[in-house]
Every structure is written in structure tokens, then in C-alpha cells.
């Protein structure tokens, strides 16, 4: 992938800090993602579908302000 996607989570979240997380574990998590029709969301939906793993989207939005919020509070990937 030319533009790799990453998962952001608070540093207190259980899987954070692990080198490798089983993909099925991600299927149990709640996601905040881009709006329907965005290339990022399409890629994410396709990635999960190819692995027969549910994608639990709790909310969608433009992520720019949210990423900035993570950076200000020193949250980690």
C-alpha cells in the first residue's frame, strides 16, 4: 500500500504497545473512520472483508482534528 493505514488508540488501551496484534482482535474493537465513500474507508472495509473480519464502525468523521487531538495528548499508535 502506498499510503499505509495505522490504528490509533489511547496508550492505556490493552493492545497498545504490542508489536503484533492478531487481526481478529481488531475485529472486536470499535472504530472511528472516515465518511462513507472516502478512499480510506473503502480501503479499510475491503481490508477487513478480505480477512473475513467484521469492521465495527462506531462513528465516522473527517479525522484531521481527531489526529491532532491524539498528538496533543501524547497518545500512541
PDB file of N, CA and C in Angstrom:
ATOM      1  N   UNK A   1       0.853  -1.177   0.000  1.00  0.00           N
ATOM      2  CA  UNK A   1       0.000   0.000   0.000  1.00  0.00           C
ATOM      3  C   UNK A   1       0.896   1.237   0.000  1.00  0.00           C
ATOM      4  N   UNK A   2       0.646   2.180  -0.900  1.00  0.00           N
ATOM      5  CA  UNK A   2       1.455   3.390  -0.993  1.00  0.00           C
ATOM      6  C   UNK A   2       1.286   4.302   0.214  1.00  0.00           C
ATOM      7  N   UNK A   3       0.087   4.331   0.761  1.00  0.00           N
ATOM      8  CA  UNK A   3      -0.202   5.164   1.929  1.00  0.00           C
ATOM      9  C   UNK A   3      -0.675   4.239   3.047  1.00  0.00           C
ATOM     10  N   UNK A   4       0.249   3.728   3.849  1.00  0.00           N
ATOM     11  CA  UNK A   4      -0.156   2.768   4.884  1.00  0.00           C
ATOM     12  C   UNK A   4      -1.138   3.385   5.877  1.00  0.00           C
ATOM     13  N   UNK A   5      -2.065   2.569   6.327  1.00  0.00           N
ATOM     14  CA  UNK A   5      -3.026   2.986   7.342  1.00  0.00           C
ATOM     15  C   UNK A   5      -2.537   2.487   8.700  1.00  0.00           C
ATOM     16  N   UNK A   6      -2.784   3.256   9.724  1.00  0.00           N
ATOM     17  CA  UNK A   6      -2.398   2.873  11.073  1.00  0.00           C
ATOM     18  C   UNK A   6      -3.612   2.947  11.985  1.00  0.00           C
ATOM     19  N   UNK A   7      -3.541   2.262  13.093  1.00  0.00           N
ATOM     20  CA  UNK A   7      -4.584   2.289  14.105  1.00  0.00           C
ATOM     21  C   UNK A   7      -4.082   3.151  15.253  1.00  0.00           C
ATOM     22  N   UNK A   8      -4.907   4.102  15.672  1.00  0.00           N
ATOM     23  CA  UNK A   8      -4.581   4.947  16.824  1.00  0.00           C
ATOM     24  C   UNK A   8      -5.458   4.539  17.996  1.00  0.00           C
ATOM     25  N   UNK A   9      -4.872   4.543  19.181  1.00  0.00           N
ATOM     26  CA  UNK A   9      -5.609   4.211  20.392  1.00  0.00           C
ATOM     27  C   UNK A   9      -4.926   4.888  21.572  1.00  0.00           C
ATOM     28  N   UNK A  10      -5.680   5.144  22.639  1.00  0.00           N
ATOM     29  CA  UNK A  10      -5.046   5.705  23.842  1.00  0.00           C
ATOM     30  C   UNK A  10      -3.961   4.765  24.356  1.00  0.00           C
ATOM     31  N   UNK A  11      -2.939   5.306  24.945  1.00  0.00           N
ATOM     32  CA  UNK A  11      -1.830   4.475  25.448  1.00  0.00           C
ATOM     33  C   UNK A  11      -2.288   3.505  26.532  1.00  0.00           C
ATOM     34  N   UNK A  12      -3.434   3.754  27.145  1.00  0.00           N
ATOM     35  CA  UNK A  12      -3.964   2.866  28.190  1.00  0.00           C
ATOM     36  C   UNK A  12      -4.767   1.695  27.615  1.00  0.00           C
ATOM     37  N   UNK A  13      -5.031   1.708  26.311  1.00  0.00           N
ATOM     38  CA  UNK A  13      -5.827   0.643  25.693  1.00  0.00           C
ATOM     39  C   UNK A  13      -5.017  -0.654  25.684  1.00  0.00           C
ATOM     40  N   UNK A  14      -5.619  -1.795  26.070  1.00  0.00           N
ATOM     41  CA  UNK A  14      -4.864  -3.039  26.247  1.00  0.00           C
ATOM     42  C   UNK A  14      -3.914  -3.437  25.101  1.00  0.00           C
ATOM     43  N   UNK A  15      -4.324  -3.446  23.832  1.00  0.00           N
ATOM     44  CA  UNK A  15      -3.370  -3.896  22.803  1.00  0.00           C
ATOM     45  C   UNK A  15      -2.251  -2.890  22.491  1.00  0.00           C
ATOM     46  N   UNK A  16      -2.391  -1.648  22.938  1.00  0.00           N
ATOM     47  CA  UNK A  16      -1.393  -0.634  22.619  1.00  0.00           C
ATOM     48  C   UNK A  16      -0.032  -1.025  23.178  1.00  0.00           C
ATOM     49  N   UNK A  17       0.983  -0.811  22.363  1.00  0.00           N
ATOM     50  CA  UNK A  17       2.342  -1.118  22.783  1.00  0.00           C
ATOM     51  C   UNK A  17       2.809  -2.501  22.363  1.00  0.00           C
ATOM     52  N   UNK A  18       1.882  -3.355  21.952  1.00  0.00           N
ATOM     53  CA  UNK A  18       2.282  -4.685  21.474  1.00  0.00           C
ATOM     54  C   UNK A  18       2.853  -4.556  20.074  1.00  0.00           C
ATOM     55  N   UNK A  19       3.841  -5.355  19.750  1.00  0.00           N
ATOM     56  CA  UNK A  19       4.459  -5.322  18.421  1.00  0.00           C
ATOM     57  C   UNK A  19       3.508  -5.862  17.359  1.00  0.00           C
ATOM     58  N   UNK A  20       2.783  -6.923  17.694  1.00  0.00           N
ATOM     59  CA  UNK A  20       1.868  -7.546  16.740  1.00  0.00           C
ATOM     60  C   UNK A  20       0.541  -7.816  17.438  1.00  0.00           C
ATOM     61  N   UNK A  21      -0.535  -7.515  16.740  1.00  0.00           N
ATOM     62  CA  UNK A  21      -1.877  -7.762  17.264  1.00  0.00           C
ATOM     63  C   UNK A  21      -2.583  -8.685  16.269  1.00  0.00           C
ATOM     64  N   UNK A  22      -3.125  -9.816  16.720  1.00  0.00           N
ATOM     65  CA  UNK A  22      -3.858 -10.683  15.795  1.00  0.00           C
ATOM     66  C   UNK A  22      -4.998  -9.899  15.127  1.00  0.00           C
ATOM     67  N   UNK A  23      -5.147 -10.101  13.830  1.00  0.00           N
ATOM     68  CA  UNK A  23      -6.149  -9.324  13.096  1.00  0.00           C
ATOM     69  C   UNK A  23      -7.549  -9.530  13.661  1.00  0.00           C
ATOM     70  N   UNK A  24      -7.880 -10.729  14.067  1.00  0.00           N
ATOM     71  CA  UNK A  24      -9.213 -10.997  14.634  1.00  0.00           C
ATOM     72  C   UNK A  24      -9.460 -10.146  15.882  1.00  0.00           C
ATOM     73  N   UNK A  25      -8.408  -9.779  16.593  1.00  0.00           N
ATOM     74  CA  UNK A  25      -8.542  -8.893  17.760  1.00  0.00           C
ATOM     75  C   UNK A  25      -9.078  -7.534  17.316  1.00  0.00           C
ATOM     76  N   UNK A  26      -8.608  -7.045  16.179  1.00  0.00           N
ATOM     77  CA  UNK A  26      -9.091  -5.757  15.674  1.00  0.00           C
ATOM     78  C   UNK A  26     -10.581  -5.812  15.348  1.00  0.00           C
ATOM     79  N   UNK A  27     -11.060  -6.980  14.951  1.00  0.00           N
ATOM     80  CA  UNK A  27     -12.478  -7.138  14.644  1.00  0.00           C
ATOM     81  C   UNK A  27     -13.376  -6.971  15.851  1.00  0.00           C
ATOM     82  N   UNK A  28     -12.799  -7.026  17.036  1.00  0.00           N
ATOM     83  CA  UNK A  28     -13.568  -6.851  18.273  1.00  0.00           C
ATOM     84  C   UNK A  28     -13.565  -5.404  18.757  1.00  0.00           C
ATOM     85  N   UNK A  29     -12.768  -4.577  18.107  1.00  0.00           N
ATOM     86  CA  UNK A  29     -12.634  -3.180  18.522  1.00  0.00           C
ATOM     87  C   UNK A  29     -13.644  -2.279  17.809  1.00  0.00           C
ATOM     88  N   UNK A  30     -13.896  -1.122  18.400  1.00  0.00           N
ATOM     89  CA  UNK A  30     -14.779  -0.110  17.801  1.00  0.00           C
ATOM     90  C   UNK A  30     -13.900   0.886  17.059  1.00  0.00           C
ATOM     91  N   UNK A  31     -14.325   1.256  15.848  1.00  0.00           N
ATOM     92  CA  UNK A  31     -13.528   2.147  15.017  1.00  0.00           C
ATOM     93  C   UNK A  31     -14.207   3.475  14.758  1.00  0.00           C
ATOM     94  N   UNK A  32     -13.384   4.494  14.680  1.00  0.00           N
ATOM     95  CA  UNK A  32     -13.761   5.813  14.196  1.00  0.00           C
ATOM     96  C   UNK A  32     -13.053   5.928  12.863  1.00  0.00           C
ATOM     97  N   UNK A  33     -13.774   6.186  11.800  1.00  0.00           N
ATOM     98  CA  UNK A  33     -13.163   6.212  10.480  1.00  0.00           C
ATOM     99  C   UNK A  33     -13.726   7.352   9.642  1.00  0.00           C
ATOM    100  N   UNK A  34     -13.255   7.454   8.431  1.00  0.00           N
ATOM    101  CA  UNK A  34     -13.710   8.487   7.505  1.00  0.00           C
ATOM    102  C   UNK A  34     -15.135   8.202   7.058  1.00  0.00           C
ATOM    103  N   UNK A  35     -15.733   9.179   6.410  1.00  0.00           N
ATOM    104  CA  UNK A  35     -17.111   9.067   5.931  1.00  0.00           C
ATOM    105  C   UNK A  35     -17.215   8.039   4.803  1.00  0.00           C
ATOM    106  N   UNK A  36     -18.448   7.540   4.598  1.00  0.00           N
ATOM    107  CA  UNK A  36     -18.719   6.587   3.521  1.00  0.00           C
ATOM    108  C   UNK A  36     -18.288   7.171   2.185  1.00  0.00           C
ATOM    109  N   UNK A  37     -17.643   6.351   1.379  1.00  0.00           N
ATOM    110  CA  UNK A  37     -17.219   6.800   0.054  1.00  0.00           C
ATOM    111  C   UNK A  37     -15.794   7.318   0.005  1.00  0.00           C
ATOM    112  N   UNK A  38     -15.191   7.594   1.150  1.00  0.00           N
ATOM    113  CA  UNK A  38     -13.800   8.069   1.146  1.00  0.00           C
ATOM    114  C   UNK A  38     -12.883   6.897   0.808  1.00  0.00           C
ATOM    115  N   UNK A  39     -11.777   7.187   0.154  1.00  0.00           N
ATOM    116  CA  UNK A  39     -10.831   6.147  -0.217  1.00  0.00           C
ATOM    117  C   UNK A  39     -10.299   5.396   0.991  1.00  0.00           C
ATOM    118  N   UNK A  40     -10.081   6.115   2.081  1.00  0.00           N
ATOM    119  CA  UNK A  40      -9.572   5.490   3.305  1.00  0.00           C
ATOM    120  C   UNK A  40     -10.570   4.470   3.837  1.00  0.00           C
ATOM    121  N   UNK A  41     -11.828   4.860   3.897  1.00  0.00           N
ATOM    122  CA  UNK A  41     -12.844   3.942   4.425  1.00  0.00           C
ATOM    123  C   UNK A  41     -13.030   2.746   3.498  1.00  0.00           C
ATOM    124  N   UNK A  42     -13.046   2.980   2.199  1.00  0.00           N
ATOM    125  CA  UNK A  42     -13.184   1.879   1.245  1.00  0.00           C
ATOM    126  C   UNK A  42     -12.039   0.886   1.419  1.00  0.00           C
ATOM    127  N   UNK A  43     -10.811   1.397   1.545  1.00  0.00           N
ATOM    128  CA  UNK A  43      -9.648   0.525   1.731  1.00  0.00           C
ATOM    129  C   UNK A  43      -9.772  -0.266   3.031  1.00  0.00           C
ATOM    130  N   UNK A  44     -10.210   0.383   4.100  1.00  0.00           N
ATOM    131  CA  UNK A  44     -10.362  -0.284   5.394  1.00  0.00           C
ATOM    132  C   UNK A  44     -11.438  -1.365   5.323  1.00  0.00           C
ATOM    133  N   UNK A  45     -12.579  -1.036   4.723  1.00  0.00           N
ATOM    134  CA  UNK A  45     -13.662  -2.007   4.588  1.00  0.00           C
ATOM    135  C   UNK A  45     -13.209  -3.209   3.760  1.00  0.00           C
ATOM    136  N   UNK A  46     -12.508  -2.951   2.681  1.00  0.00           N
ATOM    137  CA  UNK A  46     -12.013  -4.030   1.821  1.00  0.00           C
ATOM    138  C   UNK A  46     -11.008  -4.910   2.574  1.00  0.00           C
ATOM    139  N   UNK A  47     -10.102  -4.265   3.311  1.00  0.00           N
ATOM    140  CA  UNK A  47      -9.070  -4.980   4.066  1.00  0.00           C
ATOM    141  C   UNK A  47      -9.697  -5.942   5.069  1.00  0.00           C
ATOM    142  N   UNK A  48     -10.708  -5.468   5.798  1.00  0.00           N
ATOM    143  CA  UNK A  48     -11.392  -6.317   6.781  1.00  0.00           C
ATOM    144  C   UNK A  48     -12.182  -7.418   6.081  1.00  0.00           C
ATOM    145  N   UNK A  49     -12.891  -7.080   5.012  1.00  0.00           N
ATOM    146  CA  UNK A  49     -13.702  -8.072   4.288  1.00  0.00           C
ATOM    147  C   UNK A  49     -12.832  -9.185   3.719  1.00  0.00           C
ATOM    148  N   UNK A  50     -11.668  -8.835   3.184  1.00  0.00           N
ATOM    149  CA  UNK A  50     -10.758  -9.851   2.626  1.00  0.00           C
ATOM    150  C   UNK A  50     -10.282 -10.826   3.687  1.00  0.00           C
ATOM    151  N   UNK A  51     -10.334 -10.424   4.932  1.00  0.00           N
ATOM    152  CA  UNK A  51      -9.892 -11.278   6.037  1.00  0.00           C
ATOM    153  C   UNK A  51     -11.061 -11.857   6.817  1.00  0.00           C
ATOM    154  N   UNK A  52     -12.268 -11.704   6.229  1.00  0.00           N
ATOM    155  CA  UNK A  52     -13.488 -12.229   6.841  1.00  0.00           C
ATOM    156  C   UNK A  52     -13.597 -11.823   8.310  1.00  0.00           C
ATOM    157  N   UNK A  53     -13.328 -10.550   8.551  1.00  0.00           N
ATOM    158  CA  UNK A  53     -13.347  -9.992   9.902  1.00  0.00           C
ATOM    159  C   UNK A  53     -14.313  -8.815   9.931  1.00  0.00           C
ATOM    160  N   UNK A  54     -15.204  -8.754  10.927  1.00  0.00           N
ATOM    161  CA  UNK A  54     -16.142  -7.627  10.987  1.00  0.00           C
ATOM    162  C   UNK A  54     -15.417  -6.306  11.259  1.00  0.00           C
ATOM    163  N   UNK A  55     -15.954  -5.246  10.711  1.00  0.00           N
ATOM    164  CA  UNK A  55     -15.447  -3.898  10.978  1.00  0.00           C
ATOM    165  C   UNK A  55     -16.533  -3.169  11.742  1.00  0.00           C
ATOM    166  N   UNK A  56     -16.293  -2.884  12.994  1.00  0.00           N
ATOM    167  CA  UNK A  56     -17.275  -2.255  13.870  1.00  0.00           C
ATOM    168  C   UNK A  56     -17.056  -0.748  13.865  1.00  0.00           C
ATOM    169  N   UNK A  57     -17.738  -0.060  12.963  1.00  0.00           N
ATOM    170  CA  UNK A  57     -17.612   1.399  12.875  1.00  0.00           C
ATOM    171  C   UNK A  57     -18.613   2.027  13.829  1.00  0.00           C
ATOM    172  N   UNK A  58     -18.099   2.721  14.828  1.00  0.00           N
ATOM    173  CA  UNK A  58     -18.945   3.385  15.826  1.00  0.00           C
ATOM    174  C   UNK A  58     -19.282   4.804  15.422  1.00  0.00           C
ATOM    175  N   UNK A  59     -18.375   5.432  14.679  1.00  0.00           N
ATOM    176  CA  UNK A  59     -18.555   6.834  14.331  1.00  0.00           C
ATOM    177  C   UNK A  59     -17.710   7.112  13.097  1.00  0.00           C
ATOM    178  N   UNK A  60     -18.135   8.077  12.314  1.00  0.00           N
ATOM    179  CA  UNK A  60     -17.304   8.477  11.190  1.00  0.00           C
ATOM    180  C   UNK A  60     -17.214   9.991  11.135  1.00  0.00           C
ATOM    181  N   UNK A  61     -16.111  10.480  10.581  1.00  0.00           N
ATOM    182  CA  UNK A  61     -15.834  11.901  10.577  1.00  0.00           C
ATOM    183  C   UNK A  61     -14.603  12.168   9.725  1.00  0.00           C
ATOM    184  N   UNK A  62     -14.313  13.446   9.514  1.00  0.00           N
ATOM    185  CA  UNK A  62     -13.009  13.825   8.976  1.00  0.00           C
ATOM    186  C   UNK A  62     -12.050  13.684  10.145  1.00  0.00           C
ATOM    187  N   UNK A  63     -10.982  12.926   9.990  1.00  0.00           N
ATOM    188  CA  UNK A  63     -10.111  12.594  11.116  1.00  0.00           C
ATOM    189  C   UNK A  63      -9.054  13.632  11.443  1.00  0.00           C
ATOM    190  N   UNK A  64      -8.873  14.641  10.609  1.00  0.00           N
ATOM    191  CA  UNK A  64      -7.788  15.600  10.839  1.00  0.00           C
ATOM    192  C   UNK A  64      -7.805  16.199  12.252  1.00  0.00           C
ATOM    193  N   UNK A  65      -8.927  16.743  12.731  1.00  0.00           N
ATOM    194  CA  UNK A  65      -8.917  17.298  14.100  1.00  0.00           C
ATOM    195  C   UNK A  65      -8.705  16.234  15.170  1.00  0.00           C
ATOM    196  N   UNK A  66      -9.159  15.024  14.927  1.00  0.00           N
ATOM    197  CA  UNK A  66      -9.016  13.966  15.911  1.00  0.00           C
ATOM    198  C   UNK A  66      -7.560  13.547  16.038  1.00  0.00           C
ATOM    199  N   UNK A  67      -6.874  13.410  14.922  1.00  0.00           N
ATOM    200  CA  UNK A  67      -5.458  13.058  14.966  1.00  0.00           C
ATOM    201  C   UNK A  67      -4.684  14.135  15.711  1.00  0.00           C
ATOM    202  N   UNK A  68      -5.011  15.379  15.471  1.00  0.00           N
ATOM    203  CA  UNK A  68      -4.363  16.485  16.167  1.00  0.00           C
ATOM    204  C   UNK A  68      -4.584  16.368  17.672  1.00  0.00           C
ATOM    205  N   UNK A  69      -5.797  15.975  18.072  1.00  0.00           N
ATOM    206  CA  UNK A  69      -6.128  15.788  19.489  1.00  0.00           C
ATOM    207  C   UNK A  69      -5.256  14.687  20.089  1.00  0.00           C
ATOM    208  N   UNK A  70      -5.072  13.581  19.372  1.00  0.00           N
ATOM    209  CA  UNK A  70      -4.212  12.486  19.852  1.00  0.00           C
ATOM    210  C   UNK A  70      -2.789  13.012  20.069  1.00  0.00           C
ATOM    211  N   UNK A  71      -2.296  13.777  19.106  1.00  0.00           N
ATOM    212  CA  UNK A  71      -0.928  14.285  19.205  1.00  0.00           C
ATOM    213  C   UNK A  71      -0.764  15.208  20.411  1.00  0.00           C
ATOM    214  N   UNK A  72      -1.765  16.046  20.658  1.00  0.00           N
ATOM    215  CA  UNK A  72      -1.679  16.986  21.781  1.00  0.00           C
ATOM    216  C   UNK A  72      -1.683  16.261  23.128  1.00  0.00           C
ATOM    217  N   UNK A  73      -2.320  15.106  23.190  1.00  0.00           N
ATOM    218  CA  UNK A  73      -2.386  14.367  24.447  1.00  0.00           C
ATOM    219  C   UNK A  73      -1.385  13.222  24.490  1.00  0.00           C
ATOM    220  N   UNK A  74      -0.415  13.246  23.571  1.00  0.00           N
ATOM    221  CA  UNK A  74       0.661  12.269  23.554  1.00  0.00           C
ATOM    222  C   UNK A  74       0.149  10.836  23.529  1.00  0.00           C
ATOM    223  N   UNK A  75      -0.892  10.609  22.730  1.00  0.00           N
ATOM    224  CA  UNK A  75      -1.394   9.245  22.573  1.00  0.00           C
ATOM    225  C   UNK A  75      -0.534   8.532  21.552  1.00  0.00           C
ATOM    226  N   UNK A  76      -0.492   7.221  21.637  1.00  0.00           N
ATOM    227  CA  UNK A  76       0.412   6.438  20.813  1.00  0.00           C
ATOM    228  C   UNK A  76      -0.358   5.530  19.881  1.00  0.00           C
ATOM    229  N   UNK A  77       0.330   5.139  18.815  1.00  0.00           N
ATOM    230  CA  UNK A  77      -0.255   4.187  17.863  1.00  0.00           C
ATOM    231  C   UNK A  77      -0.175   2.805  18.462  1.00  0.00           C
TER     232      UNK A  77
END
